[in-house]
C-alpha cells in the first residue's frame, strides 16, 4: 500500500510585497502580487504576511485572495473568481505575523491580494509577503 507524505517544501520566496500593503485603509484591497507556478506546478502554499506596527480593532482580520490565470490571461483584480482565506489579528499594538496554511495554488500564473479588515490603516512601512510551496509524495 502506498503512503502519502509531505514533500520537501520549496525555499521561502523573497519579500514579494513591495509597497502594496503600505498605508492601506481598512476595507481596502492591496495591489497585485504576482507569482508564477507554471514551472513547479506545486499543489499547496504557505503564505506569511508580516504587517508593520498597528493596533487592530476588535475582530480585525486580513483576507488573502488568490486569483488564477489560465496560462495566458490573468483575471481582473477585485472581480471575477478567486479563493479567499481569512485570518484574525490580535488587538495588541505592534507588528503582526499572519500565516495562511494550506493555500491551494494552481499550475498557472497567480495573483495574490491582501484585503485589510483590521479596522485601522496598515503601517506605512515594514509590511512583507512570502510564500513557500509544497506537494505531497506517494511512495
Protein backbone atom coordinates (compact mmCIF):
# COMPACT_ATOMS: atom_id res chain seq x y z
CA UNK A 1 0.00 0.00 0.00
CA UNK A 2 1.34 3.43 -0.94
CA UNK A 3 1.76 6.04 1.76
CA UNK A 4 1.25 9.75 1.10
CA UNK A 5 3.66 12.10 2.86
CA UNK A 6 4.53 15.77 2.61
CA UNK A 7 7.17 16.52 0.04
CA UNK A 8 10.05 18.84 0.82
CA UNK A 9 8.77 22.44 0.75
CA UNK A 10 10.37 24.95 -1.57
CA UNK A 11 12.57 27.66 -0.14
CA UNK A 12 10.74 30.71 1.15
CA UNK A 13 10.37 33.35 -1.56
CA UNK A 14 11.88 36.77 -1.32
CA UNK A 15 9.63 39.53 0.02
CA UNK A 16 7.03 39.94 -2.75
CA UNK A 17 5.06 42.77 -1.07
CA UNK A 18 6.89 45.81 -2.36
CA UNK A 19 4.76 48.74 -1.15
CA UNK A 20 1.37 47.11 -1.82
CA UNK A 21 0.36 47.00 1.89
CA UNK A 22 1.75 50.39 2.91
CA UNK A 23 -0.87 52.73 4.43
CA UNK A 24 -3.87 50.67 3.24
CA UNK A 25 -7.17 51.90 4.64
CA UNK A 26 -9.36 49.41 6.45
CA UNK A 27 -11.69 47.74 3.96
CA UNK A 28 -9.35 48.25 1.02
CA UNK A 29 -7.52 45.68 -1.08
CA UNK A 30 -3.84 45.83 -1.97
CA UNK A 31 -2.28 45.76 -5.40
CA UNK A 32 -1.45 42.56 -7.27
CA UNK A 33 1.35 40.33 -6.05
CA UNK A 34 2.31 38.12 -8.99
CA UNK A 35 3.55 34.56 -8.56
CA UNK A 36 4.21 32.10 -11.38
CA UNK A 37 3.59 28.42 -10.59
CA UNK A 38 3.72 27.15 -14.20
CA UNK A 39 7.20 25.66 -13.82
CA UNK A 40 6.92 23.98 -10.41
CA UNK A 41 3.23 23.06 -10.61
CA UNK A 42 3.05 22.87 -6.82
CA UNK A 43 -0.26 21.98 -5.18
CA UNK A 44 -0.18 23.93 -1.93
CA UNK A 45 1.34 27.02 -0.44
CA UNK A 46 2.00 28.54 2.94
CA UNK A 47 1.79 32.35 2.85
CA UNK A 48 3.39 34.51 5.55
CA UNK A 49 2.27 38.12 5.86
CA UNK A 50 4.15 40.47 8.15
CA UNK A 51 2.45 43.76 8.95
CA UNK A 52 4.29 46.74 10.38
CA UNK A 53 3.17 48.08 13.75
CA UNK A 54 -0.58 48.69 14.09
CA UNK A 55 -3.36 48.30 16.67
CA UNK A 56 -6.24 46.39 15.04
CA UNK A 57 -9.80 46.88 16.21
CA UNK A 58 -11.58 44.02 17.96
CA UNK A 59 -12.48 41.42 15.33
CA UNK A 60 -9.89 42.77 12.90
CA UNK A 61 -8.53 40.45 10.22
CA UNK A 62 -6.83 40.26 6.86
CA UNK A 63 -8.05 38.27 3.88
CA UNK A 64 -5.85 36.64 1.26
CA UNK A 65 -7.35 36.43 -2.22
CA UNK A 66 -5.84 34.02 -4.75
CA UNK A 67 -6.62 34.63 -8.43
CA UNK A 68 -5.59 32.07 -11.02
CA UNK A 69 -4.89 32.75 -14.65
CA UNK A 70 -5.35 30.20 -17.43
CA UNK A 71 -1.76 30.23 -18.61
CA UNK A 72 -2.35 33.13 -21.00
CA UNK A 73 -4.64 35.66 -19.30
CA UNK A 74 -4.94 36.82 -15.70
CA UNK A 75 -8.30 37.94 -14.26
CA UNK A 76 -9.07 41.50 -13.22
CA UNK A 77 -8.46 42.32 -9.58
CA UNK A 78 -11.49 42.90 -7.34
CA UNK A 79 -13.74 40.95 -9.68
CA UNK A 80 -14.16 37.54 -11.13
CA UNK A 81 -13.43 34.36 -9.28
CA UNK A 82 -10.88 33.95 -6.52
CA UNK A 83 -10.21 31.77 -3.48
CA UNK A 84 -10.30 33.53 -0.10
CA UNK A 85 -8.60 32.81 3.20
CA UNK A 86 -9.16 34.96 6.30
CA UNK A 87 -7.09 35.13 9.49
CA UNK A 88 -7.76 37.20 12.61
CA UNK A 89 -5.43 39.77 14.12
CA UNK A 90 -4.67 40.35 17.79
CA UNK A 91 -5.65 43.74 19.21
CA UNK A 92 -2.27 44.41 20.80
CA UNK A 93 -0.10 47.23 19.45
CA UNK A 94 2.90 46.14 17.40
CA UNK A 95 3.94 44.26 14.28
CA UNK A 96 1.81 41.26 13.28
CA UNK A 97 2.74 37.94 11.67
CA UNK A 98 -0.09 36.04 9.96
CA UNK A 99 0.41 32.62 8.39
CA UNK A 100 -2.10 31.26 5.91
CA UNK A 101 -1.71 27.47 5.81
CA UNK A 102 -2.78 25.07 3.05
CA UNK A 103 -3.37 27.66 0.35
CA UNK A 104 -4.42 25.99 -2.88
CA UNK A 105 -2.19 27.08 -5.74
CA UNK A 106 -2.80 26.30 -9.39
CA UNK A 107 -0.30 25.34 -12.14
CA UNK A 108 -0.62 28.76 -13.78
CA UNK A 109 0.41 32.36 -13.10
CA UNK A 110 -1.29 33.56 -9.91
CA UNK A 111 -2.15 36.88 -8.33
CA UNK A 112 -2.24 37.27 -4.57
CA UNK A 113 -4.05 40.20 -2.98
CA UNK A 114 -4.46 41.16 0.67
CA UNK A 115 -7.63 42.87 1.94
CA UNK A 116 -7.21 44.91 5.12
CA UNK A 117 -10.10 44.34 7.53
CA UNK A 118 -8.13 45.45 10.61
CA UNK A 119 -10.38 48.42 11.42
CA UNK A 120 -7.33 50.71 11.02
CA UNK A 121 -4.90 51.54 8.24
CA UNK A 122 -1.81 49.39 7.83
CA UNK A 123 1.61 50.78 8.68
CA UNK A 124 3.46 53.00 6.18
CA UNK A 125 6.36 50.51 6.09
CA UNK A 126 7.53 47.18 7.45
CA UNK A 127 4.98 45.09 5.53
CA UNK A 128 6.12 41.82 3.93
CA UNK A 129 4.72 38.87 1.94
CA UNK A 130 6.35 35.44 1.48
CA UNK A 131 5.25 32.11 0.01
CA UNK A 132 6.56 28.56 0.36
CA UNK A 133 5.03 25.99 -1.97
CA UNK A 134 4.90 22.23 -1.43
CA UNK A 135 3.38 18.97 -2.62
CA UNK A 136 2.56 15.50 -1.43
CA UNK A 137 4.65 12.47 -2.30
CA UNK A 138 3.29 8.95 -2.64
CA UNK A 139 5.66 6.09 -2.11
